[in-house]
Amino acid sequence: MSDDHGHHTTREGWEPLEHQHLPQPTYFPSGLAMGTAFIFWGLITSWVIFAVGIGLFVAALAGWISEIGHERKHHESSEPLPPTDAC
């Protein structure tokens, strides 16, 4: 909901949600799904297709895990540190 000036307002008794970081879109889940499909297709056809499926699955999984790690590191380093109480 916004007022006439474009400012966001909240309804009475509601609180605005705090900003949440969303991950960037990626093709790794699609690669993982394609690798899985090739693995099962290779089980009934050829060991070559099976091997391609394993390779694609492993590469997509490793890439996705790596991307998540880099994104977490970047996100954690950009957050301000919480204040410490000096007693």
C-alpha atoms as a PDB file:
ATOM      1  CA  MET A   1       0.000   0.000   0.000  1.00  0.00           C
ATOM      2  CA  SER A   2       1.336   3.457  -0.788  1.00  0.00           C
ATOM      3  CA  ASP A   3       0.061   6.966  -0.278  1.00  0.00           C
ATOM      4  CA  ASP A   4      -0.354   9.718  -2.893  1.00  0.00           C
ATOM      5  CA  HIS A   5       3.358  10.584  -2.726  1.00  0.00           C
ATOM      6  CA  GLY A   6       4.596   7.041  -3.416  1.00  0.00           C
ATOM      7  CA  HIS A   7       5.682   6.332   0.166  1.00  0.00           C
ATOM      8  CA  HIS A   8       4.899   2.875   1.498  1.00  0.00           C
ATOM      9  CA  THR A   9       2.568   2.798   4.468  1.00  0.00           C
ATOM     10  CA  THR A  10       1.444  -0.050   6.663  1.00  0.00           C
ATOM     11  CA  ARG A  11      -1.992  -0.798   7.983  1.00  0.00           C
ATOM     12  CA  GLU A  12      -2.840  -0.107  11.583  1.00  0.00           C
ATOM     13  CA  GLY A  13      -1.402  -2.810  13.848  1.00  0.00           C
ATOM     14  CA  TRP A  14       0.920  -4.162  11.125  1.00  0.00           C
ATOM     15  CA  GLU A  15       4.689  -3.927  11.108  1.00  0.00           C
ATOM     16  CA  PRO A  16       6.792  -3.731   7.943  1.00  0.00           C
ATOM     17  CA  LEU A  17       8.979  -6.740   7.218  1.00  0.00           C
ATOM     18  CA  GLU A  18      12.696  -6.265   7.440  1.00  0.00           C
ATOM     19  CA  HIS A  19      14.712  -6.547   4.241  1.00  0.00           C
ATOM     20  CA  GLN A  20      15.734 -10.107   3.352  1.00  0.00           C
ATOM     21  CA  HIS A  21      18.553 -10.986   0.994  1.00  0.00           C
ATOM     22  CA  LEU A  22      17.424 -13.214  -1.880  1.00  0.00           C
ATOM     23  CA  PRO A  23      19.889 -15.355  -3.827  1.00  0.00           C
ATOM     24  CA  GLN A  24      20.643 -14.549  -7.456  1.00  0.00           C
ATOM     25  CA  PRO A  25      18.978 -16.730 -10.103  1.00  0.00           C
ATOM     26  CA  THR A  26      21.163 -19.575 -11.389  1.00  0.00           C
ATOM     27  CA  TYR A  27      21.112 -22.400 -13.922  1.00  0.00           C
ATOM     28  CA  PHE A  28      22.659 -24.977 -11.576  1.00  0.00           C
ATOM     29  CA  PRO A  29      19.330 -26.518 -10.470  1.00  0.00           C
ATOM     30  CA  SER A  30      18.484 -27.106 -14.140  1.00  0.00           C
ATOM     31  CA  GLY A  31      21.867 -28.738 -14.689  1.00  0.00           C
ATOM     32  CA  LEU A  32      21.278 -30.953 -11.670  1.00  0.00           C
ATOM     33  CA  ALA A  33      17.888 -32.019 -13.036  1.00  0.00           C
ATOM     34  CA  MET A  34      19.343 -32.690 -16.486  1.00  0.00           C
ATOM     35  CA  GLY A  35      22.158 -34.724 -14.949  1.00  0.00           C
ATOM     36  CA  THR A  36      19.613 -36.800 -13.034  1.00  0.00           C
ATOM     37  CA  ALA A  37      17.609 -37.387 -16.223  1.00  0.00           C
ATOM     38  CA  PHE A  38      20.755 -38.460 -18.087  1.00  0.00           C
ATOM     39  CA  ILE A  39      21.709 -40.824 -15.258  1.00  0.00           C
ATOM     40  CA  PHE A  40      18.375 -42.621 -15.410  1.00  0.00           C
ATOM     41  CA  TRP A  41      18.310 -42.540 -19.213  1.00  0.00           C
ATOM     42  CA  GLY A  42      21.823 -43.982 -19.226  1.00  0.00           C
ATOM     43  CA  LEU A  43      20.770 -46.830 -16.925  1.00  0.00           C
ATOM     44  CA  ILE A  44      18.456 -48.132 -19.638  1.00  0.00           C
ATOM     45  CA  THR A  45      20.470 -47.199 -22.753  1.00  0.00           C
ATOM     46  CA  SER A  46      24.231 -46.729 -22.633  1.00  0.00           C
ATOM     47  CA  TRP A  47      27.071 -46.323 -20.177  1.00  0.00           C
ATOM     48  CA  VAL A  48      28.220 -43.242 -22.146  1.00  0.00           C
ATOM     49  CA  ILE A  49      24.972 -41.388 -21.415  1.00  0.00           C
ATOM     50  CA  PHE A  50      25.190 -42.579 -17.806  1.00  0.00           C
ATOM     51  CA  ALA A  51      28.741 -41.177 -17.523  1.00  0.00           C
ATOM     52  CA  VAL A  52      27.673 -37.865 -19.057  1.00  0.00           C
ATOM     53  CA  GLY A  53      24.825 -37.710 -16.534  1.00  0.00           C
ATOM     54  CA  ILE A  54      27.179 -38.371 -13.619  1.00  0.00           C
ATOM     55  CA  GLY A  55      29.565 -35.684 -14.881  1.00  0.00           C
ATOM     56  CA  LEU A  56      26.795 -33.146 -15.369  1.00  0.00           C
ATOM     57  CA  PHE A  57      25.271 -33.950 -11.973  1.00  0.00           C
ATOM     58  CA  VAL A  58      28.592 -33.592 -10.136  1.00  0.00           C
ATOM     59  CA  ALA A  59      29.549 -30.380 -11.985  1.00  0.00           C
ATOM     60  CA  ALA A  60      26.159 -28.741 -11.351  1.00  0.00           C
ATOM     61  CA  LEU A  61      26.132 -29.771  -7.689  1.00  0.00           C
ATOM     62  CA  ALA A  62      29.681 -28.506  -7.126  1.00  0.00           C
ATOM     63  CA  GLY A  63      28.911 -25.230  -8.925  1.00  0.00           C
ATOM     64  CA  TRP A  64      25.722 -24.654  -6.967  1.00  0.00           C
ATOM     65  CA  ILE A  65      27.393 -25.359  -3.610  1.00  0.00           C
ATOM     66  CA  SER A  66      30.309 -23.106  -4.547  1.00  0.00           C
ATOM     67  CA  GLU A  67      27.976 -20.300  -5.597  1.00  0.00           C
ATOM     68  CA  ILE A  68      26.014 -20.547  -2.345  1.00  0.00           C
ATOM     69  CA  GLY A  69      29.259 -20.381  -0.359  1.00  0.00           C
ATOM     70  CA  HIS A  70      30.501 -17.313  -2.244  1.00  0.00           C
ATOM     71  CA  GLU A  71      27.137 -15.597  -1.886  1.00  0.00           C
ATOM     72  CA  ARG A  72      26.989 -16.275   1.858  1.00  0.00           C
ATOM     73  CA  LYS A  73      30.525 -14.983   2.315  1.00  0.00           C
ATOM     74  CA  HIS A  74      29.694 -11.825   0.374  1.00  0.00           C
ATOM     75  CA  HIS A  75      26.402 -11.315   2.232  1.00  0.00           C
ATOM     76  CA  GLU A  76      27.965 -11.851   5.675  1.00  0.00           C
ATOM     77  CA  SER A  77      30.821  -9.443   4.930  1.00  0.00           C
ATOM     78  CA  SER A  78      28.398  -6.702   3.846  1.00  0.00           C
ATOM     79  CA  GLU A  79      26.297  -6.869   7.038  1.00  0.00           C
ATOM     80  CA  PRO A  80      27.240  -4.432   9.782  1.00  0.00           C
ATOM     81  CA  LEU A  81      28.547  -6.019  12.951  1.00  0.00           C
ATOM     82  CA  PRO A  82      26.189  -5.996  15.927  1.00  0.00           C
ATOM     83  CA  PRO A  83      27.092  -3.519  18.671  1.00  0.00           C
ATOM     84  CA  THR A  84      29.070  -4.898  21.585  1.00  0.00           C
ATOM     85  CA  ASP A  85      28.423  -3.885  25.167  1.00  0.00           C
ATOM     86  CA  ALA A  86      31.611  -2.794  26.871  1.00  0.00           C
ATOM     87  CA  CYS A  87      31.299  -3.365  30.607  1.00  0.00           C
END
